[in-house]
Amino acid sequence: MTLAVADGPLKDADISFFEAARSTPDRVALSDSTRSTTWIELDRRANRIARKLIEHGVRPNDKVAILSANSVAYVEIMFGILRAGACIVPLPTHTSSATWSGMVKDSGARMLFASGTYLTELKSRADFGLADSHIVQLDEATLNEFVSGAQETPPDVVSSLDHGFNLIYSSGTTGVPKGILQSRSYRASEAAVMARGYGLGTETRTLVSTPLCSNTTLFVLFAVMFSGGSARLMEKFDAGKWLALAEQWRPTDVILVPVQYTRLLAHPDFDRFDLSSFRNKFCTSAPLSAATKAEVLSRWPAGGLTEFYGMTEGGVSCYLNAHEHPGKLDTVGLPFPDCDLRVIDNDGQILKQGDVGEIIGRSPRLMNGYYNLDDATREASWFDETGTRFQRSGDIGWVDDAGFVHLLDRKKDVIISGGFNVYAVDLENTLIQHPDVREVAVIAAPSESWGETPVAFAVLRDKASADMVCQWANLRLGKVQRLARVVGVEELPRSDIGKVLKRSLREQLLPLGTLP
């Protein structure tokens, strides 16, 4: 299958939602563990929220922040923000009150919806900045009170595809979180590509188990909703509960991050559940190992498996329909047809096919820039001879003769040992083959002899010896790749969507000092 690209005029979110509400008014659009709502109810609720936002002074392209766990109310607020012509700021749930406060102020959010303890923590900060009249507690009773008296018809709002759709703050895996501004055009193009490429429509049912603050969640959720489908929201991922719900609710399409696939496959009852309803299974946020891809295809064939490689910033975008290319499971697939993908060296020169360098790309799905950070936007950009901007990925890789993209490592994570480049992914792919290794991440440690040397952090099965795993791996690795140490840990530090926080692992290295 060749992925179709968006053609013809793009539809803004409001138009797509309006059409779904009118064509299938009584179909369930959203549900969670406590309630559900139909398309016509969702449409009316969005209108009422939008009108109240406008009453509070929210204007087209203004920012409105949300901080909460997954719920129907969360999505209703998002649609209300869009209906008001404003821009959604979904704040990450797993961070500190100081960081939340900084994001609210950086975004210039005119209003904030927050639930429970999140709201309590934020309001305890003297430097928070929003007046109480512009803060709404996100629960059913308070939201009902907020929309009381508002009309159910659409407000008279003029918005543009150039306006902001959402401002997503990065997970902070590389330092202070940056605001990534995606336009309505970005999201409309993305939804059109997904709908046409993977057959999304009114019969599509997606099970959402990653946080609504994440681009991983939003790009599939909005594509499904643009298509008039329905979504079942999980407040928190649990492998056993997910499997039971999937068997009961019969979803057709789902996106999961790599750690979720590994935990589902590792569940002792995985093979007992009926997962035959799936038409598409997607994976993104971090590379999925070739071994795990093969296991998914073998043990969970329904819906195949498509891995997406890209960035919240956009520009770079690839897809691998793994079920169609079983010989390419060690890649992240082909560039999207409308993605101009290139590989450059450290001097910014374009490399020939097969050479290793930094991956850059440009497509219709390209962020406006890092919000309030022009210097950071320029640093993450590459310009061709015509001045056209490409997005730097920060990833090192190469493109093979068939056009498939191979990833090696994050540029900043390449381990330079004795003058040789060592790629953590190669070591991780070897270690994960050990029967006692459940999860693993490799980072650089300072070394007296080599400058840097690889150290692995591994989640091991009961009674497994980290030293024995290290010896086993080193027998299979090249001389310059050999691990200085394997450190056994109970779990790897992860972001909201399961990305390993290697910065946190580097902090754990400090007590080890410089290795030989």
Protein backbone atom coordinates (compact mmCIF):
# COMPACT_ATOMS: atom_id res chain seq x y z
CA MET A 1 0.00 0.00 0.00
CA THR A 2 1.21 3.48 -0.87
CA LEU A 3 0.13 6.14 1.57
CA ALA A 4 -2.16 8.74 0.00
CA VAL A 5 -1.51 12.42 0.62
CA ALA A 6 -3.93 15.24 1.13
CA ASP A 7 -5.22 16.78 -2.06
CA GLY A 8 -7.78 19.49 -2.72
CA PRO A 9 -8.80 22.17 -0.21
CA LEU A 10 -8.26 21.34 3.44
CA LYS A 11 -11.19 21.35 5.87
CA ASP A 12 -10.79 23.10 9.19
CA ALA A 13 -11.74 21.27 12.39
CA ASP A 14 -15.05 23.05 12.86
CA ILE A 15 -16.29 22.07 9.40
CA SER A 16 -15.43 18.39 9.90
CA PHE A 17 -16.98 18.26 13.37
CA PHE A 18 -20.10 20.06 12.14
CA GLU A 19 -20.52 17.57 9.28
CA ALA A 20 -20.11 14.57 11.61
CA ALA A 21 -22.67 15.97 14.04
CA ARG A 22 -25.19 16.47 11.25
CA SER A 23 -24.60 13.19 9.39
CA THR A 24 -24.55 10.82 12.40
CA PRO A 25 -26.17 12.81 15.24
CA ASP A 26 -27.13 9.84 17.42
CA ARG A 27 -23.88 7.87 17.05
CA VAL A 28 -21.68 7.81 20.17
CA ALA A 29 -18.71 10.11 19.63
CA LEU A 30 -16.89 9.83 22.95
CA SER A 31 -17.00 7.68 26.07
CA ASP A 32 -14.97 7.07 29.20
CA SER A 33 -15.50 4.94 32.29
CA THR A 34 -18.29 7.18 33.62
CA ARG A 35 -20.25 8.54 30.67
CA SER A 36 -20.66 8.82 26.90
CA THR A 37 -21.84 11.52 24.51
CA THR A 38 -23.28 11.45 21.00
CA TRP A 39 -22.11 13.54 18.10
CA ILE A 40 -25.00 16.00 18.33
CA GLU A 41 -24.49 16.33 22.10
CA LEU A 42 -20.80 16.94 21.55
CA ASP A 43 -21.53 19.58 18.93
CA ARG A 44 -23.94 21.43 21.21
CA ARG A 45 -21.57 21.18 24.18
CA ALA A 46 -18.69 22.58 22.10
CA ASN A 47 -20.88 25.50 21.04
CA ARG A 48 -21.83 26.32 24.62
CA ILE A 49 -18.20 26.13 25.80
CA ALA A 50 -17.10 28.29 22.88
CA ARG A 51 -19.70 30.95 23.65
CA LYS A 52 -18.64 31.08 27.29
CA LEU A 53 -14.97 31.37 26.31
CA ILE A 54 -15.85 34.30 24.08
CA GLU A 55 -17.79 35.90 26.97
CA HIS A 56 -14.57 35.64 29.00
CA GLY A 57 -12.67 37.56 26.34
CA VAL A 58 -11.17 34.69 24.33
CA ARG A 59 -10.65 35.72 20.70
CA PRO A 60 -9.53 33.81 17.58
CA ASN A 61 -5.95 32.54 17.91
CA ASP A 62 -5.86 33.17 21.69
CA LYS A 63 -4.55 30.32 23.85
CA VAL A 64 -6.58 28.27 26.35
CA ALA A 65 -4.81 25.70 28.56
CA ILE A 66 -6.03 22.33 29.87
CA LEU A 67 -4.47 20.22 32.64
CA SER A 68 -6.20 16.94 33.42
CA ALA A 69 -6.24 13.20 32.98
CA ASN A 70 -8.15 11.76 30.00
CA SER A 71 -11.91 12.24 30.07
CA VAL A 72 -14.88 13.06 27.86
CA ALA A 73 -14.97 16.53 29.43
CA TYR A 74 -11.35 17.13 28.37
CA VAL A 75 -12.19 16.46 24.72
CA GLU A 76 -15.37 18.55 24.93
CA ILE A 77 -13.27 21.49 26.13
CA MET A 78 -10.78 21.01 23.30
CA PHE A 79 -13.57 21.10 20.73
CA GLY A 80 -15.07 24.15 22.44
CA ILE A 81 -11.72 25.95 22.26
CA LEU A 82 -11.48 25.18 18.55
CA ARG A 83 -15.08 26.27 17.96
CA ALA A 84 -14.20 29.62 19.57
CA GLY A 85 -11.37 29.93 17.03
CA ALA A 86 -8.76 29.63 19.78
CA CYS A 87 -5.68 27.44 20.24
CA ILE A 88 -5.50 24.46 22.64
CA VAL A 89 -2.60 24.31 25.14
CA PRO A 90 -2.68 20.73 26.56
CA LEU A 91 -0.30 20.76 29.53
CA PRO A 92 1.69 17.58 30.31
CA THR A 93 0.44 15.90 33.46
CA HIS A 94 3.73 14.41 34.73
CA THR A 95 5.70 17.50 35.69
CA SER A 96 5.91 20.07 38.49
CA SER A 97 3.69 22.99 39.44
CA ALA A 98 6.58 25.34 38.66
CA THR A 99 6.78 23.94 35.12
CA TRP A 100 3.00 24.16 34.63
CA SER A 101 3.00 27.75 35.84
CA GLY A 102 5.86 28.57 33.47
CA MET A 103 4.00 27.01 30.53
CA VAL A 104 0.79 28.92 31.27
CA LYS A 105 2.70 32.20 31.42
CA ASP A 106 4.84 31.40 28.37
CA SER A 107 1.77 30.53 26.28
CA GLY A 108 -0.11 33.66 27.31
CA ALA A 109 -3.16 31.48 27.97
CA ARG A 110 -6.29 33.55 28.55
CA MET A 111 -8.00 30.76 30.48
CA LEU A 112 -7.19 27.47 32.16
CA PHE A 113 -9.26 24.32 32.76
CA ALA A 114 -7.67 22.04 35.37
CA SER A 115 -8.86 19.13 37.47
CA GLY A 116 -8.43 18.09 41.10
CA THR A 117 -4.95 18.12 42.56
CA TYR A 118 -3.48 19.72 39.43
CA LEU A 119 -5.56 22.82 40.06
CA THR A 120 -4.73 22.84 43.77
CA GLU A 121 -1.00 22.69 43.05
CA LEU A 122 -1.16 25.43 40.44
CA LYS A 123 -3.23 27.84 42.50
CA SER A 124 -0.81 27.43 45.41
CA ARG A 125 1.85 29.26 43.41
CA ALA A 126 2.10 32.98 43.95
CA ASP A 127 3.58 33.46 40.46
CA PHE A 128 0.78 31.64 38.64
CA GLY A 129 -0.67 34.75 37.03
CA LEU A 130 -4.28 33.94 36.00
CA ALA A 131 -7.19 35.49 37.84
CA ASP A 132 -9.65 33.10 39.49
CA SER A 133 -12.36 34.22 37.06
CA HIS A 134 -10.29 32.74 34.22
CA ILE A 135 -9.69 29.38 35.90
CA VAL A 136 -12.31 26.63 35.64
CA GLN A 137 -12.20 23.41 37.63
CA LEU A 138 -12.50 20.52 35.20
CA ASP A 139 -15.21 18.30 36.59
CA GLU A 140 -18.72 17.52 35.42
CA ALA A 141 -20.59 19.73 37.91
CA THR A 142 -18.37 22.77 37.46
CA LEU A 143 -18.36 22.46 33.67
CA ASN A 144 -22.17 22.27 33.67
CA GLU A 145 -22.24 25.42 35.74
CA PHE A 146 -19.72 27.11 33.43
CA VAL A 147 -21.86 26.57 30.29
CA SER A 148 -25.15 27.37 32.03
CA GLY A 149 -27.25 29.77 29.98
CA ALA A 150 -25.08 29.55 26.84
CA GLN A 151 -26.78 28.95 23.51
CA GLU A 152 -26.24 25.62 21.72
CA THR A 153 -25.79 27.19 18.27
CA PRO A 154 -22.33 27.91 16.78
CA PRO A 155 -20.86 31.32 17.65
CA ASP A 156 -20.08 33.73 14.83
CA VAL A 157 -16.31 33.28 14.69
CA VAL A 158 -13.92 33.77 11.79
CA SER A 159 -10.72 31.72 12.07
CA SER A 160 -7.95 30.93 9.62
CA LEU A 161 -6.07 27.76 8.74
CA ASP A 162 -2.96 29.77 9.62
CA HIS A 163 -4.14 30.18 13.21
CA GLY A 164 -2.84 27.93 15.95
CA PHE A 165 -4.58 24.60 16.48
CA ASN A 166 -2.53 23.52 19.48
CA LEU A 167 0.57 24.58 21.38
CA ILE A 168 2.21 21.41 22.72
CA TYR A 169 5.08 21.60 25.19
CA SER A 170 7.84 19.09 24.65
CA SER A 171 8.38 16.34 27.19
CA GLY A 172 11.59 17.93 28.38
CA THR A 173 13.70 14.89 27.43
CA THR A 174 16.35 17.27 26.09
CA GLY A 175 16.10 20.03 28.70
CA VAL A 176 13.58 22.81 29.40
CA PRO A 177 10.27 22.10 27.61
CA LYS A 178 9.68 24.13 24.46
CA GLY A 179 6.29 25.13 23.11
CA ILE A 180 5.64 23.64 19.65
CA LEU A 181 2.97 25.56 17.75
CA GLN A 182 0.99 23.58 15.17
CA SER A 183 -1.43 25.40 12.88
CA ARG A 184 -4.93 24.40 11.87
CA SER A 185 -3.52 23.71 8.42
CA TYR A 186 -0.99 21.29 9.96
CA ARG A 187 -3.73 19.30 11.71
CA ALA A 188 -6.08 19.39 8.72
CA SER A 189 -3.37 17.99 6.43
CA GLU A 190 -2.47 15.32 8.96
CA ALA A 191 -6.08 14.22 9.43
CA ALA A 192 -6.63 14.04 5.66
CA VAL A 193 -3.53 11.88 5.19
CA MET A 194 -4.60 9.48 7.95
CA ALA A 195 -8.22 9.28 6.79
CA ARG A 196 -7.36 8.61 3.16
CA GLY A 197 -4.35 6.43 3.79
CA TYR A 198 -5.91 4.15 6.40
CA GLY A 199 -9.61 4.22 5.57
CA LEU A 200 -10.91 6.07 8.61
CA GLY A 201 -14.62 6.82 8.64
CA THR A 202 -17.83 6.81 10.66
CA GLU A 203 -17.32 3.13 11.58
CA THR A 204 -13.84 3.76 13.01
CA ARG A 205 -13.52 3.12 16.74
CA THR A 206 -10.31 4.03 18.55
CA LEU A 207 -9.23 3.15 22.08
CA VAL A 208 -7.23 6.02 23.60
CA SER A 209 -4.78 4.99 26.34
CA THR A 210 -2.05 7.61 26.00
CA PRO A 211 -2.41 11.11 27.52
CA LEU A 212 -4.45 13.76 25.71
CA CYS A 213 -1.60 16.21 26.28
CA SER A 214 0.56 14.24 23.85
CA ASN A 215 0.91 14.69 20.10
CA THR A 216 1.04 10.88 19.88
CA THR A 217 -2.56 10.79 21.08
CA LEU A 218 -3.88 13.86 19.32
CA PHE A 219 -2.87 13.13 15.76
CA VAL A 220 -4.83 9.85 15.66
CA LEU A 221 -7.70 11.05 17.87
CA PHE A 222 -8.36 14.10 15.73
CA ALA A 223 -8.06 12.10 12.50
CA VAL A 224 -10.71 9.69 13.82
CA MET A 225 -12.97 12.51 14.98
CA PHE A 226 -12.53 14.46 11.72
CA SER A 227 -13.76 11.26 10.02
CA GLY A 228 -16.86 11.00 12.21
CA GLY A 229 -15.62 7.99 14.16
CA SER A 230 -15.76 7.39 17.91
CA ALA A 231 -13.24 7.21 20.75
CA ARG A 232 -13.18 5.35 24.06
CA LEU A 233 -10.90 7.09 26.56
CA MET A 234 -8.89 5.30 29.25
CA GLU A 235 -7.88 7.45 32.20
CA LYS A 236 -4.68 5.45 32.65
CA PHE A 237 -3.06 2.57 30.77
CA ASP A 238 -3.03 -0.85 32.39
CA ALA A 239 -2.20 -3.86 30.19
CA GLY A 240 -4.81 -6.20 31.66
CA LYS A 241 -7.58 -3.60 31.66
CA TRP A 242 -6.65 -2.54 28.12
CA LEU A 243 -6.91 -6.11 26.83
CA ALA A 244 -10.27 -6.67 28.50
CA LEU A 245 -11.65 -3.39 27.19
CA ALA A 246 -10.37 -4.08 23.67
CA GLU A 247 -12.13 -7.44 23.65
CA GLN A 248 -15.34 -5.91 24.96
CA TRP A 249 -15.45 -2.61 23.04
CA ARG A 250 -14.10 -3.98 19.71
CA PRO A 251 -11.98 -1.03 18.51
CA THR A 252 -10.89 -0.91 14.87
CA ASP A 253 -7.88 1.41 15.09
CA VAL A 254 -5.41 2.14 17.85
CA ILE A 255 -2.14 3.91 18.45
CA LEU A 256 0.22 2.62 21.14
CA VAL A 257 3.76 3.54 22.11
CA PRO A 258 6.52 0.88 22.17
CA VAL A 259 6.43 0.26 25.92
CA GLN A 260 2.68 -0.44 25.69
CA TYR A 261 3.21 -3.04 22.95
CA THR A 262 5.90 -4.78 25.01
CA ARG A 263 3.75 -4.79 28.16
CA LEU A 264 0.69 -6.09 26.33
CA LEU A 265 2.70 -8.90 24.74
CA ALA A 266 4.25 -9.74 28.12
CA HIS A 267 0.85 -10.03 29.83
CA PRO A 268 0.35 -13.68 30.84
CA ASP A 269 -3.17 -13.78 29.35
CA PHE A 270 -2.45 -11.89 26.13
CA ASP A 271 -3.10 -14.86 23.82
CA ARG A 272 -6.48 -15.58 25.47
CA PHE A 273 -8.08 -12.27 24.42
CA ASP A 274 -10.00 -11.80 21.18
CA LEU A 275 -8.27 -8.89 19.41
CA SER A 276 -9.62 -9.67 15.95
CA SER A 277 -11.56 -6.39 15.56
CA PHE A 278 -8.54 -4.30 14.60
CA ARG A 279 -8.12 -2.91 11.09
CA ASN A 280 -5.10 -0.70 11.85
CA LYS A 281 -2.53 -0.79 14.64
CA PHE A 282 -0.16 2.17 14.84
CA CYS A 283 3.03 2.83 16.81
CA THR A 284 5.03 6.00 17.33
CA SER A 285 6.90 8.24 19.84
CA ALA A 286 10.04 6.06 19.87
CA PRO A 287 11.49 3.34 17.62
CA LEU A 288 9.90 -0.08 18.05
CA SER A 289 12.51 -2.84 17.96
CA ALA A 290 12.51 -5.23 15.01
CA ALA A 291 12.02 -8.15 17.42
CA THR A 292 8.91 -6.58 18.93
CA LYS A 293 7.51 -5.74 15.50
CA ALA A 294 7.94 -9.36 14.48
CA GLU A 295 6.25 -10.57 17.67
CA VAL A 296 3.29 -8.22 17.15
CA LEU A 297 2.83 -9.46 13.59
CA SER A 298 3.05 -13.08 14.71
CA ARG A 299 0.88 -13.00 17.83
CA TRP A 300 -1.47 -10.14 16.94
CA PRO A 301 -1.94 -10.20 13.16
CA ALA A 302 -5.32 -8.40 13.00
CA GLY A 303 -4.82 -4.90 11.64
CA GLY A 304 -1.19 -5.40 10.70
CA LEU A 305 1.24 -2.86 12.17
CA THR A 306 2.21 0.60 10.97
CA GLU A 307 5.07 2.48 12.60
CA PHE A 308 5.22 6.25 12.20
CA TYR A 309 8.50 8.09 12.54
CA GLY A 310 8.28 11.83 12.93
CA MET A 311 8.31 14.72 15.34
CA THR A 312 5.77 16.96 17.01
CA GLU A 313 7.64 19.72 15.18
CA GLY A 314 6.70 18.05 11.88
CA GLY A 315 8.70 18.21 8.67
CA VAL A 316 10.22 14.73 8.98
CA SER A 317 7.66 11.96 8.51
CA CYS A 318 8.00 8.29 7.57
CA TYR A 319 5.75 5.25 7.72
CA LEU A 320 6.42 1.53 7.77
CA ASN A 321 3.57 -0.85 7.01
CA ALA A 322 5.42 -3.65 8.76
CA HIS A 323 2.99 -6.36 7.64
CA GLU A 324 3.78 -5.49 4.02
CA HIS A 325 7.56 -5.27 4.48
CA PRO A 326 8.63 -8.05 6.90
CA GLY A 327 12.19 -7.75 5.60
CA LYS A 328 12.42 -4.09 6.65
CA LEU A 329 11.53 -4.33 10.33
CA ASP A 330 14.87 -2.79 11.28
CA THR A 331 13.81 0.47 9.56
CA VAL A 332 11.23 3.19 10.21
CA GLY A 333 9.97 2.88 6.66
CA LEU A 334 9.56 5.21 3.71
CA PRO A 335 9.18 9.00 3.73
CA PHE A 336 5.59 10.17 3.27
CA PRO A 337 4.97 10.99 -0.41
CA ASP A 338 4.78 14.70 0.42
CA CYS A 339 7.87 14.67 2.68
CA ASP A 340 11.13 15.95 1.23
CA LEU A 341 13.59 13.99 3.40
CA ARG A 342 17.36 14.46 3.24
CA VAL A 343 20.48 13.50 5.20
CA ILE A 344 23.15 16.11 6.00
CA ASP A 345 26.61 16.10 7.56
CA ASN A 346 27.88 18.20 10.45
CA ASP A 347 28.59 21.08 8.05
CA GLY A 348 25.05 21.05 6.70
CA GLN A 349 26.01 19.52 3.35
CA ILE A 350 23.58 17.06 1.74
CA LEU A 351 24.93 13.50 1.73
CA LYS A 352 24.41 10.87 -0.93
CA GLN A 353 22.10 7.91 -0.40
CA GLY A 354 23.59 5.38 2.01
CA ASP A 355 25.75 7.86 3.91
CA VAL A 356 25.18 8.37 7.64
CA GLY A 357 24.19 11.82 8.90
CA GLU A 358 21.42 13.88 10.47
CA ILE A 359 17.93 13.38 9.05
CA ILE A 360 16.06 16.54 8.04
CA GLY A 361 12.73 17.00 6.31
CA ARG A 362 9.98 19.25 5.09
CA SER A 363 6.27 18.55 4.50
CA PRO A 364 2.91 20.38 4.71
CA ARG A 365 2.94 19.34 8.37
CA LEU A 366 5.60 21.66 9.74
CA MET A 367 5.36 23.59 12.99
CA ASN A 368 5.11 27.37 12.95
CA GLY A 369 8.11 27.36 15.25
CA TYR A 370 9.06 27.07 18.91
CA TYR A 371 6.82 29.54 20.70
CA ASN A 372 8.64 32.67 21.88
CA LEU A 373 11.96 31.00 20.98
CA ASP A 374 13.14 32.34 17.62
CA ASP A 375 16.75 31.35 18.29
CA ALA A 376 15.76 27.76 19.09
CA THR A 377 13.63 27.63 15.92
CA ARG A 378 16.59 28.78 13.81
CA GLU A 379 18.91 26.29 15.52
CA ALA A 380 16.50 23.44 14.68
CA SER A 381 16.19 24.57 11.04
CA TRP A 382 18.15 23.93 7.85
CA PHE A 383 17.65 26.07 4.76
CA ASP A 384 18.21 25.05 1.15
CA GLU A 385 19.60 27.31 -1.58
CA THR A 386 16.16 28.90 -2.11
CA GLY A 387 15.75 29.72 1.58
CA THR A 388 13.15 26.98 2.15
CA ARG A 389 13.13 25.79 5.76
CA PHE A 390 13.60 22.13 6.69
CA GLN A 391 13.23 20.70 10.19
CA ARG A 392 16.28 19.09 11.78
CA SER A 393 15.34 15.86 13.54
CA GLY A 394 18.40 15.53 15.75
CA ASP A 395 18.47 11.85 14.71
CA ILE A 396 21.36 10.10 13.00
CA GLY A 397 20.49 7.68 10.23
CA TRP A 398 20.73 6.74 6.59
CA VAL A 399 18.55 5.81 3.61
CA ASP A 400 19.02 2.48 1.83
CA ASP A 401 18.76 1.76 -1.90
CA ALA A 402 15.04 0.99 -1.61
CA GLY A 403 14.37 4.33 0.10
CA PHE A 404 13.80 2.94 3.61
CA VAL A 405 15.09 5.05 6.50
CA HIS A 406 17.38 3.47 9.11
CA LEU A 407 17.81 5.19 12.49
CA LEU A 408 20.99 4.86 14.51
CA ASP A 409 20.72 7.28 17.43
CA ARG A 410 19.92 10.75 18.64
CA LYS A 411 22.71 13.06 17.53
CA LYS A 412 23.37 14.15 21.11
CA ASP A 413 23.36 10.51 22.33
CA VAL A 414 26.05 9.11 20.00
CA ILE A 415 28.74 7.58 22.22
CA ILE A 416 32.25 8.50 21.06
CA SER A 417 34.47 5.78 22.47
CA GLY A 418 38.14 5.86 21.59
CA GLY A 419 37.32 8.07 18.61
CA PHE A 420 34.71 5.67 17.21
CA ASN A 421 30.97 6.38 17.00
CA VAL A 422 28.96 3.84 18.99
CA TYR A 423 25.19 3.88 18.51
CA ALA A 424 23.13 3.03 21.56
CA VAL A 425 20.37 1.44 19.47
CA ASP A 426 22.76 -1.28 18.25
CA LEU A 427 23.63 -2.20 21.82
CA GLU A 428 20.01 -2.02 22.95
CA ASN A 429 18.93 -4.30 20.09
CA THR A 430 21.51 -6.85 21.22
CA LEU A 431 20.66 -6.65 24.92
CA ILE A 432 16.91 -6.97 24.41
CA GLN A 433 17.49 -10.40 22.84
CA HIS A 434 18.68 -11.74 26.20
CA PRO A 435 15.80 -13.73 27.74
CA ASP A 436 16.20 -12.02 31.12
CA VAL A 437 16.14 -8.43 29.78
CA ARG A 438 12.66 -6.89 29.74
CA GLU A 439 13.60 -3.27 28.91
CA VAL A 440 16.93 -1.53 28.34
CA ALA A 441 18.49 1.84 27.60
CA VAL A 442 22.16 2.58 26.85
CA ILE A 443 23.91 5.89 27.53
CA ALA A 444 27.46 7.28 27.56
CA ALA A 445 29.52 7.33 30.74
CA PRO A 446 32.79 9.24 31.14
CA SER A 447 35.85 6.97 30.79
CA GLU A 448 39.51 7.59 31.61
CA SER A 449 40.70 5.32 28.80
CA TRP A 450 38.14 5.93 26.04
CA GLY A 451 36.64 9.37 26.72
CA GLU A 452 33.19 7.79 26.77
CA THR A 453 32.06 4.23 27.28
CA PRO A 454 28.61 2.58 27.03
CA VAL A 455 26.62 1.76 30.16
CA ALA A 456 23.26 -0.03 30.03
CA PHE A 457 20.34 0.35 32.42
CA ALA A 458 18.18 -2.78 32.24
CA VAL A 459 14.95 -3.99 33.76
CA LEU A 460 15.76 -7.62 34.47
CA ARG A 461 13.61 -10.62 35.23
CA ASP A 462 13.72 -12.11 38.72
CA LYS A 463 17.14 -13.34 39.90
CA ALA A 464 18.89 -12.32 36.67
CA SER A 465 22.48 -11.15 37.12
CA ALA A 466 23.40 -7.78 35.58
CA ASP A 467 27.05 -8.88 35.36
CA MET A 468 26.12 -12.07 33.50
CA VAL A 469 23.94 -10.10 31.08
CA CYS A 470 26.86 -7.72 30.47
CA GLN A 471 29.22 -10.62 29.71
CA TRP A 472 26.63 -12.23 27.42
CA ALA A 473 26.17 -9.02 25.44
CA ASN A 474 29.89 -8.26 25.14
CA LEU A 475 30.48 -11.67 23.53
CA ARG A 476 28.10 -10.54 20.76
CA LEU A 477 29.21 -6.91 20.38
CA GLY A 478 32.14 -5.48 18.49
CA LYS A 479 35.29 -4.51 20.37
CA VAL A 480 34.55 -0.75 20.41
CA GLN A 481 30.89 -1.40 21.35
CA ARG A 482 31.51 -3.39 24.51
CA LEU A 483 29.61 -2.33 27.60
CA ALA A 484 31.46 -1.11 30.68
CA ARG A 485 28.57 -2.08 32.90
CA VAL A 486 24.94 -3.19 33.04
CA VAL A 487 22.99 -1.58 35.87
CA GLY A 488 19.85 -3.40 36.99
CA VAL A 489 16.87 -1.13 37.74
CA GLU A 490 13.24 -1.76 38.69
CA GLU A 491 11.98 0.49 35.90
CA LEU A 492 13.25 3.00 33.35
CA PRO A 493 12.29 6.67 33.84
CA ARG A 494 9.74 7.58 31.17
CA SER A 495 7.76 10.57 29.95
CA ASP A 496 3.95 10.74 29.72
CA ILE A 497 4.02 8.76 26.48
CA GLY A 498 6.68 6.22 27.39
CA LYS A 499 9.85 7.81 26.06
CA VAL A 500 12.88 6.83 28.10
CA LEU A 501 14.29 9.89 29.87
CA LYS A 502 17.99 9.34 29.26
CA ARG A 503 18.75 12.64 30.96
CA SER A 504 17.50 11.08 34.21
CA LEU A 505 19.70 8.03 33.62
CA ARG A 506 22.74 10.27 33.18
CA GLU A 507 22.00 11.79 36.57
CA GLN A 508 22.02 8.26 38.04
CA LEU A 509 25.53 7.80 36.62
CA LEU A 510 27.00 10.57 38.78
CA PRO A 511 27.66 8.33 41.83
CA LEU A 512 29.64 5.95 39.58
CA GLY A 513 32.17 8.66 38.73
CA THR A 514 34.56 8.25 35.81
CA LEU A 515 34.94 4.63 34.72
CA PRO A 516 38.26 3.04 33.73
